[in-house]
C-alpha atoms as a PDB file:
ATOM      1  CA  MET A   1     -27.430 -31.652 -50.490  1.00  0.00           C
ATOM      2  CA  MET A   2     -26.013 -29.973 -53.773  1.00  0.00           C
ATOM      3  CA  GLU A   3     -22.359 -30.517 -54.274  1.00  0.00           C
ATOM      4  CA  LYS A   4     -20.190 -27.378 -53.493  1.00  0.00           C
ATOM      5  CA  TYR A   5     -19.242 -24.803 -56.079  1.00  0.00           C
ATOM      6  CA  LEU A   6     -16.386 -22.438 -56.387  1.00  0.00           C
ATOM      7  CA  ILE A   7     -17.965 -18.971 -57.138  1.00  0.00           C
ATOM      8  CA  ALA A   8     -15.177 -16.561 -58.616  1.00  0.00           C
ATOM      9  CA  LEU A   9     -16.493 -12.922 -58.505  1.00  0.00           C
ATOM     10  CA  ASP A  10     -15.054 -10.187 -60.681  1.00  0.00           C
ATOM     11  CA  LEU A  11     -15.520  -6.687 -59.073  1.00  0.00           C
ATOM     12  CA  ASP A  12     -15.648  -3.715 -61.381  1.00  0.00           C
ATOM     13  CA  GLY A  13     -18.776  -4.058 -63.775  1.00  0.00           C
ATOM     14  CA  THR A  14     -19.688  -7.343 -62.249  1.00  0.00           C
ATOM     15  CA  LEU A  15     -20.163  -7.552 -58.433  1.00  0.00           C
ATOM     16  CA  LEU A  16     -19.955  -3.801 -57.978  1.00  0.00           C
ATOM     17  CA  THR A  17     -22.684  -1.278 -59.190  1.00  0.00           C
ATOM     18  CA  ASP A  18     -21.609   1.719 -61.073  1.00  0.00           C
ATOM     19  CA  GLU A  19     -21.496   3.602 -57.856  1.00  0.00           C
ATOM     20  CA  LYS A  20     -18.803   0.833 -56.861  1.00  0.00           C
ATOM     21  CA  ILE A  21     -20.903  -0.694 -54.013  1.00  0.00           C
ATOM     22  CA  ILE A  22     -22.303  -4.121 -53.497  1.00  0.00           C
ATOM     23  CA  SER A  23     -26.090  -4.184 -53.669  1.00  0.00           C
ATOM     24  CA  GLU A  24     -28.026  -5.648 -50.774  1.00  0.00           C
ATOM     25  CA  ARG A  25     -29.548  -8.351 -53.074  1.00  0.00           C
ATOM     26  CA  ASN A  26     -26.284  -9.573 -54.200  1.00  0.00           C
ATOM     27  CA  LYS A  27     -24.788  -9.526 -50.708  1.00  0.00           C
ATOM     28  CA  GLN A  28     -27.553 -11.501 -49.418  1.00  0.00           C
ATOM     29  CA  ALA A  29     -27.342 -14.101 -52.544  1.00  0.00           C
ATOM     30  CA  ILE A  30     -23.403 -14.547 -51.768  1.00  0.00           C
ATOM     31  CA  ALA A  31     -24.188 -14.889 -47.810  1.00  0.00           C
ATOM     32  CA  LYS A  32     -26.839 -17.614 -48.533  1.00  0.00           C
ATOM     33  CA  ALA A  33     -24.603 -19.584 -51.067  1.00  0.00           C
ATOM     34  CA  ARG A  34     -21.626 -19.536 -48.516  1.00  0.00           C
ATOM     35  CA  ALA A  35     -24.179 -20.815 -45.788  1.00  0.00           C
ATOM     36  CA  GLU A  36     -25.059 -23.541 -47.954  1.00  0.00           C
ATOM     37  CA  GLY A  37     -21.587 -24.678 -48.234  1.00  0.00           C
ATOM     38  CA  HIS A  38     -20.364 -23.073 -51.590  1.00  0.00           C
ATOM     39  CA  ILE A  39     -17.086 -21.411 -51.578  1.00  0.00           C
ATOM     40  CA  VAL A  40     -16.900 -17.701 -52.824  1.00  0.00           C
ATOM     41  CA  SER A  41     -13.465 -15.914 -54.001  1.00  0.00           C
ATOM     42  CA  ILE A  42     -12.693 -12.612 -55.481  1.00  0.00           C
ATOM     43  CA  ALA A  43     -10.827 -12.525 -58.912  1.00  0.00           C
ATOM     44  CA  THR A  44     -10.009  -9.019 -59.837  1.00  0.00           C
ATOM     45  CA  GLY A  45      -7.630  -6.824 -61.756  1.00  0.00           C
ATOM     46  CA  ARG A  46      -7.452  -4.446 -58.893  1.00  0.00           C
ATOM     47  CA  PRO A  47      -4.606  -4.679 -56.193  1.00  0.00           C
ATOM     48  CA  HIS A  48      -5.097  -6.053 -52.582  1.00  0.00           C
ATOM     49  CA  ARG A  49      -5.587  -2.728 -50.965  1.00  0.00           C
ATOM     50  CA  ALA A  50      -8.299  -1.793 -53.409  1.00  0.00           C
ATOM     51  CA  SER A  51     -10.286  -4.868 -52.959  1.00  0.00           C
ATOM     52  CA  ILE A  52      -9.846  -6.003 -49.460  1.00  0.00           C
ATOM     53  CA  HIS A  53     -12.767  -3.726 -48.261  1.00  0.00           C
ATOM     54  CA  TYR A  54     -15.236  -5.708 -50.457  1.00  0.00           C
ATOM     55  CA  TYR A  55     -13.665  -9.023 -49.135  1.00  0.00           C
ATOM     56  CA  ASN A  56     -14.295  -7.975 -45.534  1.00  0.00           C
ATOM     57  CA  GLU A  57     -17.611  -6.626 -46.240  1.00  0.00           C
ATOM     58  CA  MET A  58     -18.772 -10.099 -47.530  1.00  0.00           C
ATOM     59  CA  GLU A  59     -16.955 -11.646 -44.576  1.00  0.00           C
ATOM     60  CA  LEU A  60     -14.883 -13.950 -47.048  1.00  0.00           C
ATOM     61  CA  ASP A  61     -12.261 -16.297 -45.628  1.00  0.00           C
ATOM     62  CA  THR A  62     -10.956 -17.470 -48.957  1.00  0.00           C
ATOM     63  CA  PRO A  63      -7.826 -16.857 -51.241  1.00  0.00           C
ATOM     64  CA  MET A  64      -8.009 -14.017 -53.540  1.00  0.00           C
ATOM     65  CA  VAL A  65      -6.692 -13.207 -57.014  1.00  0.00           C
ATOM     66  CA  ASN A  66      -5.276  -9.677 -57.468  1.00  0.00           C
ATOM     67  CA  PHE A  67      -3.670  -7.914 -60.499  1.00  0.00           C
ATOM     68  CA  ASN A  68      -5.421 -10.332 -63.030  1.00  0.00           C
ATOM     69  CA  GLY A  69      -3.505 -13.264 -61.321  1.00  0.00           C
ATOM     70  CA  ALA A  70      -0.048 -11.694 -60.689  1.00  0.00           C
ATOM     71  CA  LEU A  71      -0.818 -11.902 -57.048  1.00  0.00           C
ATOM     72  CA  ILE A  72      -2.725 -14.974 -55.721  1.00  0.00           C
ATOM     73  CA  HIS A  73      -2.748 -14.873 -51.882  1.00  0.00           C
ATOM     74  CA  HIS A  74      -5.056 -15.553 -48.758  1.00  0.00           C
ATOM     75  CA  PRO A  75      -5.692 -12.284 -46.715  1.00  0.00           C
ATOM     76  CA  LYS A  76      -6.625 -14.324 -43.768  1.00  0.00           C
ATOM     77  CA  ASN A  77      -4.006 -17.045 -43.796  1.00  0.00           C
ATOM     78  CA  HIS A  78      -0.344 -15.842 -44.139  1.00  0.00           C
ATOM     79  CA  TYR A  79       0.729 -19.526 -44.212  1.00  0.00           C
ATOM     80  CA  TRP A  80      -1.185 -20.209 -47.411  1.00  0.00           C
ATOM     81  CA  ASP A  81       1.092 -20.703 -50.347  1.00  0.00           C
ATOM     82  CA  ALA A  82       1.064 -17.163 -52.035  1.00  0.00           C
ATOM     83  CA  ILE A  83       2.254 -16.521 -55.370  1.00  0.00           C
ATOM     84  CA  HIS A  84       3.728 -13.122 -56.591  1.00  0.00           C
ATOM     85  CA  SER A  85       4.675 -12.901 -60.260  1.00  0.00           C
ATOM     86  CA  PRO A  86       6.008  -9.514 -61.264  1.00  0.00           C
ATOM     87  CA  MET A  87       7.581  -8.437 -64.489  1.00  0.00           C
ATOM     88  CA  SER A  88      11.121  -7.608 -64.660  1.00  0.00           C
ATOM     89  CA  ILE A  89      12.250  -4.183 -64.134  1.00  0.00           C
ATOM     90  CA  ARG A  90      14.081  -4.282 -67.307  1.00  0.00           C
ATOM     91  CA  THR A  91      10.711  -4.939 -69.127  1.00  0.00           C
ATOM     92  CA  ALA A  92       9.312  -2.227 -67.251  1.00  0.00           C
ATOM     93  CA  HIS A  93      11.752   0.330 -68.266  1.00  0.00           C
ATOM     94  CA  SER A  94      11.337  -0.678 -71.928  1.00  0.00           C
ATOM     95  CA  ILE A  95       7.545  -0.165 -71.637  1.00  0.00           C
ATOM     96  CA  LEU A  96       8.063   3.185 -70.169  1.00  0.00           C
ATOM     97  CA  HIS A  97      10.150   4.084 -73.096  1.00  0.00           C
ATOM     98  CA  THR A  98       7.382   2.921 -75.482  1.00  0.00           C
ATOM     99  CA  CYS A  99       4.979   5.155 -73.593  1.00  0.00           C
ATOM    100  CA  LYS A 100       7.281   8.225 -73.911  1.00  0.00           C
ATOM    101  CA  GLU A 101       7.542   7.662 -77.599  1.00  0.00           C
ATOM    102  CA  LEU A 102       3.753   7.531 -77.870  1.00  0.00           C
ATOM    103  CA  GLY A 103       3.222  10.533 -75.572  1.00  0.00           C
ATOM    104  CA  VAL A 104       0.799   8.915 -73.214  1.00  0.00           C
ATOM    105  CA  LYS A 105      -1.076  10.981 -70.356  1.00  0.00           C
ATOM    106  CA  ASN A 106       0.433   9.082 -67.486  1.00  0.00           C
ATOM    107  CA  VAL A 107       1.813   5.843 -66.127  1.00  0.00           C
ATOM    108  CA  LEU A 108       1.566   4.258 -62.835  1.00  0.00           C
ATOM    109  CA  ALA A 109       3.484   1.289 -61.478  1.00  0.00           C
ATOM    110  CA  GLU A 110       2.837  -1.072 -58.429  1.00  0.00           C
ATOM    111  CA  VAL A 111       4.692  -3.225 -56.564  1.00  0.00           C
ATOM    112  CA  ARG A 112       2.402  -5.197 -54.595  1.00  0.00           C
ATOM    113  CA  ASP A 113       0.720  -2.394 -52.532  1.00  0.00           C
ATOM    114  CA  ASP A 114       3.388   0.347 -53.043  1.00  0.00           C
ATOM    115  CA  VAL A 115       2.377   2.881 -55.846  1.00  0.00           C
ATOM    116  CA  TYR A 116       4.523   4.895 -58.124  1.00  0.00           C
ATOM    117  CA  LEU A 117       2.966   7.598 -60.298  1.00  0.00           C
ATOM    118  CA  ASP A 118       5.047   9.298 -63.137  1.00  0.00           C
ATOM    119  CA  GLN A 119       3.268  12.541 -62.865  1.00  0.00           C
ATOM    120  CA  TYR A 120       0.780  14.138 -60.460  1.00  0.00           C
ATOM    121  CA  ASP A 121      -2.678  13.321 -61.661  1.00  0.00           C
ATOM    122  CA  GLU A 122      -5.821  14.089 -59.493  1.00  0.00           C
ATOM    123  CA  GLU A 123      -7.929  11.491 -61.479  1.00  0.00           C
ATOM    124  CA  LEU A 124      -5.460   8.699 -61.015  1.00  0.00           C
ATOM    125  CA  MET A 125      -4.885   9.504 -57.327  1.00  0.00           C
ATOM    126  CA  GLU A 126      -8.483   9.349 -56.625  1.00  0.00           C
ATOM    127  CA  ILE A 127      -8.725   5.859 -58.239  1.00  0.00           C
ATOM    128  CA  PHE A 128      -5.663   4.177 -56.552  1.00  0.00           C
ATOM    129  CA  GLN A 129      -4.938   6.151 -53.338  1.00  0.00           C
ATOM    130  CA  THR A 130      -6.409   4.786 -50.143  1.00  0.00           C
ATOM    131  CA  SER A 131      -6.078   6.221 -46.841  1.00  0.00           C
ATOM    132  CA  ASP A 132      -2.981   4.053 -45.787  1.00  0.00           C
ATOM    133  CA  THR A 133      -1.484   3.990 -49.026  1.00  0.00           C
ATOM    134  CA  PRO A 134       1.068   6.812 -49.983  1.00  0.00           C
ATOM    135  CA  ILE A 135       1.787   7.427 -53.614  1.00  0.00           C
ATOM    136  CA  ASN A 136       5.419   7.907 -54.808  1.00  0.00           C
ATOM    137  CA  ILE A 137       5.111  10.746 -57.328  1.00  0.00           C
ATOM    138  CA  GLY A 138       7.888  11.388 -59.888  1.00  0.00           C
ATOM    139  CA  SER A 139       9.698  10.027 -63.079  1.00  0.00           C
ATOM    140  CA  LEU A 140       9.260   6.234 -62.925  1.00  0.00           C
ATOM    141  CA  SER A 141      12.496   5.881 -65.122  1.00  0.00           C
ATOM    142  CA  SER A 142      14.065   7.175 -61.843  1.00  0.00           C
ATOM    143  CA  ASN A 143      12.046   6.054 -58.900  1.00  0.00           C
ATOM    144  CA  LEU A 144      11.038   2.623 -59.949  1.00  0.00           C
ATOM    145  CA  LYS A 145      13.734   0.287 -58.850  1.00  0.00           C
ATOM    146  CA  ASP A 146      11.889  -3.074 -58.099  1.00  0.00           C
ATOM    147  CA  ASP A 147      10.106  -5.572 -60.328  1.00  0.00           C
ATOM    148  CA  PRO A 148       6.559  -4.144 -60.743  1.00  0.00           C
ATOM    149  CA  THR A 149       3.340  -6.248 -60.214  1.00  0.00           C
ATOM    150  CA  SER A 150       1.621  -4.434 -62.667  1.00  0.00           C
ATOM    151  CA  ILE A 151       2.028  -1.125 -64.871  1.00  0.00           C
ATOM    152  CA  LEU A 152      -1.136   0.786 -65.680  1.00  0.00           C
ATOM    153  CA  ILE A 153      -1.051   3.409 -68.531  1.00  0.00           C
ATOM    154  CA  HIS A 154      -3.403   6.100 -69.214  1.00  0.00           C
ATOM    155  CA  PRO A 155      -3.287   6.985 -72.830  1.00  0.00           C
ATOM    156  CA  GLU A 156      -5.370   9.533 -74.908  1.00  0.00           C
ATOM    157  CA  ILE A 157      -8.565   7.763 -75.892  1.00  0.00           C
ATOM    158  CA  ASP A 158      -7.559   7.970 -79.428  1.00  0.00           C
ATOM    159  CA  LYS A 159      -4.120   6.321 -78.814  1.00  0.00           C
ATOM    160  CA  ILE A 160      -5.377   3.325 -77.011  1.00  0.00           C
ATOM    161  CA  GLN A 161      -5.349   0.822 -80.235  1.00  0.00           C
ATOM    162  CA  ALA A 162      -1.752   2.384 -81.429  1.00  0.00           C
ATOM    163  CA  LEU A 163      -0.473   1.748 -77.861  1.00  0.00           C
ATOM    164  CA  ARG A 164      -1.798  -1.818 -77.699  1.00  0.00           C
ATOM    165  CA  ASP A 165      -0.314  -2.375 -81.172  1.00  0.00           C
ATOM    166  CA  GLN A 166       3.029  -1.274 -80.206  1.00  0.00           C
ATOM    167  CA  LEU A 167       3.054  -3.282 -76.888  1.00  0.00           C
ATOM    168  CA  THR A 168       2.113  -6.429 -78.883  1.00  0.00           C
ATOM    169  CA  ASP A 169       4.800  -5.738 -81.429  1.00  0.00           C
ATOM    170  CA  LYS A 170       7.688  -4.888 -78.927  1.00  0.00           C
ATOM    171  CA  HIS A 171       6.775  -6.921 -75.928  1.00  0.00           C
ATOM    172  CA  ALA A 172       4.361  -9.748 -76.583  1.00  0.00           C
ATOM    173  CA  GLU A 173       6.957 -12.536 -75.564  1.00  0.00           C
ATOM    174  CA  VAL A 174       7.173 -10.910 -72.000  1.00  0.00           C
ATOM    175  CA  ILE A 175       3.895  -9.136 -71.218  1.00  0.00           C
ATOM    176  CA  ASP A 176       0.050  -9.469 -71.486  1.00  0.00           C
ATOM    177  CA  HIS A 177      -1.994  -6.315 -71.571  1.00  0.00           C
ATOM    178  CA  ARG A 178      -5.675  -5.682 -71.115  1.00  0.00           C
ATOM    179  CA  LYS A 179      -7.961  -2.640 -71.336  1.00  0.00           C
ATOM    180  CA  TRP A 180     -10.211  -1.441 -68.494  1.00  0.00           C
ATOM    181  CA  GLY A 181     -13.810  -0.644 -69.253  1.00  0.00           C
ATOM    182  CA  ALA A 182     -15.300   2.648 -69.303  1.00  0.00           C
ATOM    183  CA  PRO A 183     -14.839   5.251 -67.743  1.00  0.00           C
ATOM    184  CA  TRP A 184     -11.158   4.700 -67.077  1.00  0.00           C
ATOM    185  CA  HIS A 185      -9.676   3.773 -70.534  1.00  0.00           C
ATOM    186  CA  VAL A 186      -6.535   2.422 -68.637  1.00  0.00           C
ATOM    187  CA  ILE A 187      -4.289  -0.326 -70.108  1.00  0.00           C
ATOM    188  CA  GLU A 188      -3.047  -2.848 -67.476  1.00  0.00           C
ATOM    189  CA  ILE A 189       0.163  -4.852 -68.023  1.00  0.00           C
ATOM    190  CA  VAL A 190       1.204  -7.910 -66.163  1.00  0.00           C
ATOM    191  CA  ARG A 191       3.866 -10.520 -66.934  1.00  0.00           C
ATOM    192  CA  ALA A 192       3.037 -12.852 -69.714  1.00  0.00           C
ATOM    193  CA  GLY A 193       1.158 -16.110 -68.984  1.00  0.00           C
ATOM    194  CA  LEU A 194      -0.801 -14.486 -66.197  1.00  0.00           C
ATOM    195  CA  ASN A 195      -4.585 -14.105 -65.980  1.00  0.00           C
ATOM    196  CA  LYS A 196      -7.346 -14.795 -63.568  1.00  0.00           C
ATOM    197  CA  ALA A 197      -7.723 -18.333 -64.619  1.00  0.00           C
ATOM    198  CA  VAL A 198      -4.211 -19.192 -63.383  1.00  0.00           C
ATOM    199  CA  GLY A 199      -5.283 -17.906 -59.954  1.00  0.00           C
ATOM    200  CA  LEU A 200      -8.628 -19.627 -60.075  1.00  0.00           C
ATOM    201  CA  GLN A 201      -7.099 -22.968 -61.043  1.00  0.00           C
ATOM    202  CA  LYS A 202      -4.697 -22.657 -57.864  1.00  0.00           C
ATOM    203  CA  ILE A 203      -7.772 -21.874 -55.603  1.00  0.00           C
ATOM    204  CA  ALA A 204      -9.866 -24.730 -57.160  1.00  0.00           C
ATOM    205  CA  HIS A 205      -7.033 -27.111 -56.687  1.00  0.00           C
ATOM    206  CA  TYR A 206      -6.840 -26.072 -53.006  1.00  0.00           C
ATOM    207  CA  TYR A 207     -10.445 -26.873 -52.431  1.00  0.00           C
ATOM    208  CA  HIS A 208     -10.488 -29.932 -54.569  1.00  0.00           C
ATOM    209  CA  ILE A 209     -13.288 -28.432 -56.729  1.00  0.00           C
ATOM    210  CA  PRO A 210     -13.211 -29.688 -60.479  1.00  0.00           C
ATOM    211  CA  GLU A 211     -13.771 -27.133 -63.465  1.00  0.00           C
ATOM    212  CA  GLU A 212     -17.275 -28.368 -63.882  1.00  0.00           C
ATOM    213  CA  ARG A 213     -18.185 -26.934 -60.508  1.00  0.00           C
ATOM    214  CA  ILE A 214     -16.584 -23.637 -61.058  1.00  0.00           C
ATOM    215  CA  ILE A 215     -18.816 -20.614 -61.555  1.00  0.00           C
ATOM    216  CA  ALA A 216     -17.122 -17.369 -62.852  1.00  0.00           C
ATOM    217  CA  PHE A 217     -18.754 -14.037 -63.232  1.00  0.00           C
ATOM    218  CA  GLY A 218     -17.063 -11.204 -65.381  1.00  0.00           C
ATOM    219  CA  ASP A 219     -17.604  -8.286 -67.965  1.00  0.00           C
ATOM    220  CA  GLU A 220     -14.333  -7.306 -69.599  1.00  0.00           C
ATOM    221  CA  ASP A 221     -11.539  -9.023 -71.649  1.00  0.00           C
ATOM    222  CA  ASN A 222      -9.521  -9.508 -68.547  1.00  0.00           C
ATOM    223  CA  ASP A 223     -12.336 -12.225 -67.491  1.00  0.00           C
ATOM    224  CA  LEU A 224     -11.967 -14.144 -70.916  1.00  0.00           C
ATOM    225  CA  GLU A 225      -9.512 -17.013 -69.605  1.00  0.00           C
ATOM    226  CA  MET A 226     -11.403 -17.277 -66.317  1.00  0.00           C
ATOM    227  CA  LEU A 227     -14.743 -17.889 -68.094  1.00  0.00           C
ATOM    228  CA  GLU A 228     -13.489 -20.252 -70.629  1.00  0.00           C
ATOM    229  CA  TYR A 229     -11.631 -22.163 -67.774  1.00  0.00           C
ATOM    230  CA  ALA A 230     -14.859 -22.335 -65.639  1.00  0.00           C
ATOM    231  CA  GLY A 231     -17.349 -24.915 -66.045  1.00  0.00           C
ATOM    232  CA  VAL A 232     -20.024 -22.493 -65.620  1.00  0.00           C
ATOM    233  CA  GLY A 233     -18.833 -19.080 -67.191  1.00  0.00           C
ATOM    234  CA  VAL A 234     -21.455 -16.260 -66.749  1.00  0.00           C
ATOM    235  CA  ALA A 235     -21.168 -12.965 -68.509  1.00  0.00           C
ATOM    236  CA  MET A 236     -22.974  -9.900 -67.308  1.00  0.00           C
ATOM    237  CA  ASP A 237     -25.495  -8.242 -69.511  1.00  0.00           C
ATOM    238  CA  ASN A 238     -22.989  -5.234 -69.778  1.00  0.00           C
ATOM    239  CA  ALA A 239     -20.169  -7.391 -70.749  1.00  0.00           C
ATOM    240  CA  ILE A 240     -18.285  -7.068 -73.908  1.00  0.00           C
ATOM    241  CA  SER A 241     -19.464  -9.025 -76.837  1.00  0.00           C
ATOM    242  CA  GLU A 242     -16.300 -11.228 -76.878  1.00  0.00           C
ATOM    243  CA  LEU A 243     -16.934 -12.204 -73.428  1.00  0.00           C
ATOM    244  CA  LYS A 244     -20.627 -13.369 -73.962  1.00  0.00           C
ATOM    245  CA  ASP A 245     -19.398 -15.287 -77.122  1.00  0.00           C
ATOM    246  CA  VAL A 246     -17.357 -17.562 -74.623  1.00  0.00           C
ATOM    247  CA  ALA A 247     -19.726 -17.565 -71.787  1.00  0.00           C
ATOM    248  CA  ASN A 248     -22.174 -20.402 -71.084  1.00  0.00           C
ATOM    249  CA  TYR A 249     -24.558 -18.121 -69.813  1.00  0.00           C
ATOM    250  CA  THR A 250     -25.537 -14.197 -69.796  1.00  0.00           C
ATOM    251  CA  THR A 251     -27.114 -13.004 -66.623  1.00  0.00           C
ATOM    252  CA  HIS A 252     -28.525  -9.375 -65.663  1.00  0.00           C
ATOM    253  CA  SER A 253     -26.201  -6.288 -65.524  1.00  0.00           C
ATOM    254  CA  ASN A 254     -24.274  -5.274 -62.655  1.00  0.00           C
ATOM    255  CA  GLU A 255     -26.826  -2.609 -62.110  1.00  0.00           C
ATOM    256  CA  GLY A 256     -29.702  -5.281 -62.133  1.00  0.00           C
ATOM    257  CA  ASP A 257     -28.228  -7.705 -59.422  1.00  0.00           C
ATOM    258  CA  GLY A 258     -26.852 -10.174 -62.133  1.00  0.00           C
ATOM    259  CA  ILE A 259     -24.985 -12.299 -59.750  1.00  0.00           C
ATOM    260  CA  ALA A 260     -27.877 -12.672 -57.327  1.00  0.00           C
ATOM    261  CA  CYS A 261     -30.350 -13.456 -60.064  1.00  0.00           C
ATOM    262  CA  PHE A 262     -28.066 -16.145 -61.527  1.00  0.00           C
ATOM    263  CA  LEU A 263     -27.022 -17.809 -58.258  1.00  0.00           C
ATOM    264  CA  GLU A 264     -30.471 -17.767 -56.843  1.00  0.00           C
ATOM    265  CA  ASP A 265     -31.833 -19.759 -59.904  1.00  0.00           C
ATOM    266  CA  PHE A 266     -28.620 -21.812 -60.533  1.00  0.00           C
ATOM    267  CA  LEU A 267     -28.081 -22.972 -56.952  1.00  0.00           C
ATOM    268  CA  LYS A 268     -31.836 -22.919 -55.970  1.00  0.00           C
ATOM    269  CA  LEU A 269     -30.911 -20.873 -52.962  1.00  0.00           C
ATOM    270  CA  SER A 270     -33.361 -20.922 -50.198  1.00  0.00           C
ATOM    271  CA  SER A 271     -35.169 -17.896 -49.226  1.00  0.00           C
END
């Protein structure tokens, strides 16, 4: 029998199609891998509330990485040693000041699954609200009182680079920032030193899986550290060129069942 692998799945642009669903072929390949003893875990920039549906759909029973490593927890085992690593409220308010100086469209802050939105925005509400998650709308400078897990900034497209430059110049020692892929054009900020590889390392240690038996799939710059850390880093065909440069392999796109194609071949999954 093949030694077991830990398989880390990014969601958007990787496991999920552009319609935000898991294809039947991907679902079946993941189920086969699990049936053969391999361990499957989600590693996403999304919060828990926006990823638990996919976790349950795949019938997972493993720890999960949310907020690009700012929250590492086990949805089905509350005794598991969860790690929540928010940034300080002081840093958050400094970032809000930077946003006001640049005149961004909107800012959203999350404290685990509590959501705070600076201004009412139908598009952002649609992305981040779930049926059981109320959104607190109003000035973040006044309403945000706890250390946030993450901050999401929605700038004008032509201001993205200027904003990232400002964030690096003013806050590089205390935060890390990443850009989401199209169509959202959102900048996500978490505490410095956090990334998906941090969460994946904790999960691998829990299951006693060495780096060479970790398969990680991704498509965006928030997957870079995870693919570098994994012994088997796999970039989607739709991934950014920087990710393909560090990956060991490139598979088909998120629209072409890339995860299933790779796992079926690499793990020689029985049909």
